[in-house]
């Protein structure tokens, strides 16, 4: 299988012509043989089993997931985040983390609510 590289801007949708071209490239890429090199040889079933065991161990030691919180957000604000695409909730969490780590921003925001 081959590799297809395509660049899009956040929130930008491909045109019908671009989608047609992408689908044609995918169809052609599926016909291409996999290319291996010494740094990335094909995996044996034994190696895959070893990787799976390592992944299970890693998941056990990984930090617990963040708690789920419900927030009231203005529809226009939510729309702006959703336009960022997949992963927009992580971006929202990053913004909240940043504000929490910068008390001067938090102070400025709390003073405008009065």
Protein backbone atom coordinates (compact mmCIF):
# COMPACT_ATOMS: atom_id res chain seq x y z
CA UNK A 1 0.00 0.00 0.00
CA UNK A 2 1.32 3.46 -0.87
CA UNK A 3 1.22 6.75 0.99
CA UNK A 4 -0.92 9.68 -0.05
CA UNK A 5 -0.11 13.15 1.30
CA UNK A 6 -2.73 15.88 1.24
CA UNK A 7 -2.74 19.27 2.96
CA UNK A 8 -5.94 20.94 4.16
CA UNK A 9 -6.60 23.93 6.36
CA UNK A 10 -8.53 23.47 9.60
CA UNK A 11 -12.23 23.69 8.85
CA UNK A 12 -11.65 23.54 5.08
CA UNK A 13 -13.60 20.91 3.17
CA UNK A 14 -12.31 19.39 -0.07
CA UNK A 15 -14.12 20.23 -3.29
CA UNK A 16 -15.90 17.51 -5.27
CA UNK A 17 -13.00 17.46 -7.73
CA UNK A 18 -10.47 17.06 -4.91
CA UNK A 19 -12.52 14.23 -3.38
CA UNK A 20 -12.65 12.50 -6.76
CA UNK A 21 -8.87 12.84 -7.13
CA UNK A 22 -8.25 11.61 -3.56
CA UNK A 23 -10.45 8.55 -4.12
CA UNK A 24 -8.64 7.77 -7.38
CA UNK A 25 -5.25 8.08 -5.63
CA UNK A 26 -6.42 5.79 -2.82
CA UNK A 27 -7.56 3.22 -5.37
CA UNK A 28 -4.14 3.34 -7.06
CA UNK A 29 -2.26 3.27 -3.74
CA UNK A 30 -4.05 0.06 -2.75
CA UNK A 31 -2.51 -1.63 -5.80
CA UNK A 32 1.03 -0.70 -4.77
CA UNK A 33 3.11 -3.31 -2.93
CA UNK A 34 4.22 -2.67 0.63
CA UNK A 35 7.84 -1.52 0.75
CA UNK A 36 9.98 -2.72 3.65
CA UNK A 37 13.50 -1.67 4.56
CA UNK A 38 16.00 -2.91 7.18
CA UNK A 39 14.73 -0.33 9.68
CA UNK A 40 11.13 -1.45 9.20
CA UNK A 41 10.93 -5.14 8.29
CA UNK A 42 7.61 -6.96 8.04
CA UNK A 43 6.30 -8.03 11.46
CA UNK A 44 6.07 -11.70 12.33
CA UNK A 45 3.10 -13.04 14.30
CA UNK A 46 5.46 -13.50 17.27
CA UNK A 47 6.61 -9.88 17.12
CA UNK A 48 3.00 -8.66 16.88
CA UNK A 49 2.10 -10.75 19.96
CA UNK A 50 5.04 -9.20 21.83
CA UNK A 51 3.95 -5.68 20.82
CA UNK A 52 0.39 -6.42 21.98
CA UNK A 53 1.69 -7.57 25.38
CA UNK A 54 3.80 -4.41 25.69
CA UNK A 55 0.79 -2.26 24.78
CA UNK A 56 -1.34 -3.95 27.45
CA UNK A 57 1.33 -3.25 30.08
CA UNK A 58 1.63 0.37 28.96
CA UNK A 59 -2.14 0.86 29.23
CA UNK A 60 -2.07 -0.47 32.81
CA UNK A 61 0.48 2.15 33.88
CA UNK A 62 -1.04 5.04 31.94
CA UNK A 63 -2.67 7.78 33.98
CA UNK A 64 -6.40 7.54 34.42
CA UNK A 65 -8.54 9.44 31.93
CA UNK A 66 -9.64 12.97 32.71
CA UNK A 67 -13.02 13.30 34.39
CA UNK A 68 -15.96 14.19 32.17
CA UNK A 69 -17.42 17.63 32.93
CA UNK A 70 -20.55 19.30 31.57
CA UNK A 71 -20.24 23.01 30.74
CA UNK A 72 -22.69 25.57 29.45
CA UNK A 73 -21.12 27.15 26.37
CA UNK A 74 -22.60 29.73 24.03
CA UNK A 75 -23.64 28.10 20.73
CA UNK A 76 -21.42 30.45 18.69
CA UNK A 77 -18.38 29.59 20.84
CA UNK A 78 -19.05 25.85 20.52
CA UNK A 79 -19.45 26.28 16.77
CA UNK A 80 -16.01 27.92 16.52
CA UNK A 81 -14.41 25.00 18.34
CA UNK A 82 -16.31 22.40 16.30
CA UNK A 83 -15.06 24.08 13.12
CA UNK A 84 -11.55 23.08 14.21
CA UNK A 85 -12.52 19.49 13.42
CA UNK A 86 -11.88 16.21 15.16
CA UNK A 87 -10.27 16.68 18.56
CA UNK A 88 -11.88 20.04 19.26
CA UNK A 89 -12.74 18.98 22.83
CA UNK A 90 -9.04 18.39 23.52
CA UNK A 91 -8.34 21.91 22.27
CA UNK A 92 -11.03 23.26 24.61
CA UNK A 93 -9.38 21.37 27.49
CA UNK A 94 -5.97 22.80 26.52
CA UNK A 95 -7.41 26.34 26.58
CA UNK A 96 -8.89 25.73 30.05
CA UNK A 97 -5.55 24.31 31.24
CA UNK A 98 -3.69 27.34 29.89
CA UNK A 99 -6.04 29.80 31.59
CA UNK A 100 -5.84 27.87 34.87
CA UNK A 101 -2.02 28.01 34.70
CA UNK A 102 -2.03 31.77 34.01
CA UNK A 103 -3.83 33.43 36.94
CA UNK A 104 -3.54 36.90 35.41
CA UNK A 105 -5.89 35.80 32.61
CA UNK A 106 -8.27 34.21 35.09
CA UNK A 107 -8.22 37.37 37.22
CA UNK A 108 -8.90 39.56 34.17
CA UNK A 109 -11.86 37.39 33.12
CA UNK A 110 -13.36 37.26 36.62
CA UNK A 111 -13.23 41.09 36.89
CA UNK A 112 -15.22 41.54 33.65
CA UNK A 113 -18.11 39.48 35.06
CA UNK A 114 -18.79 41.97 37.86
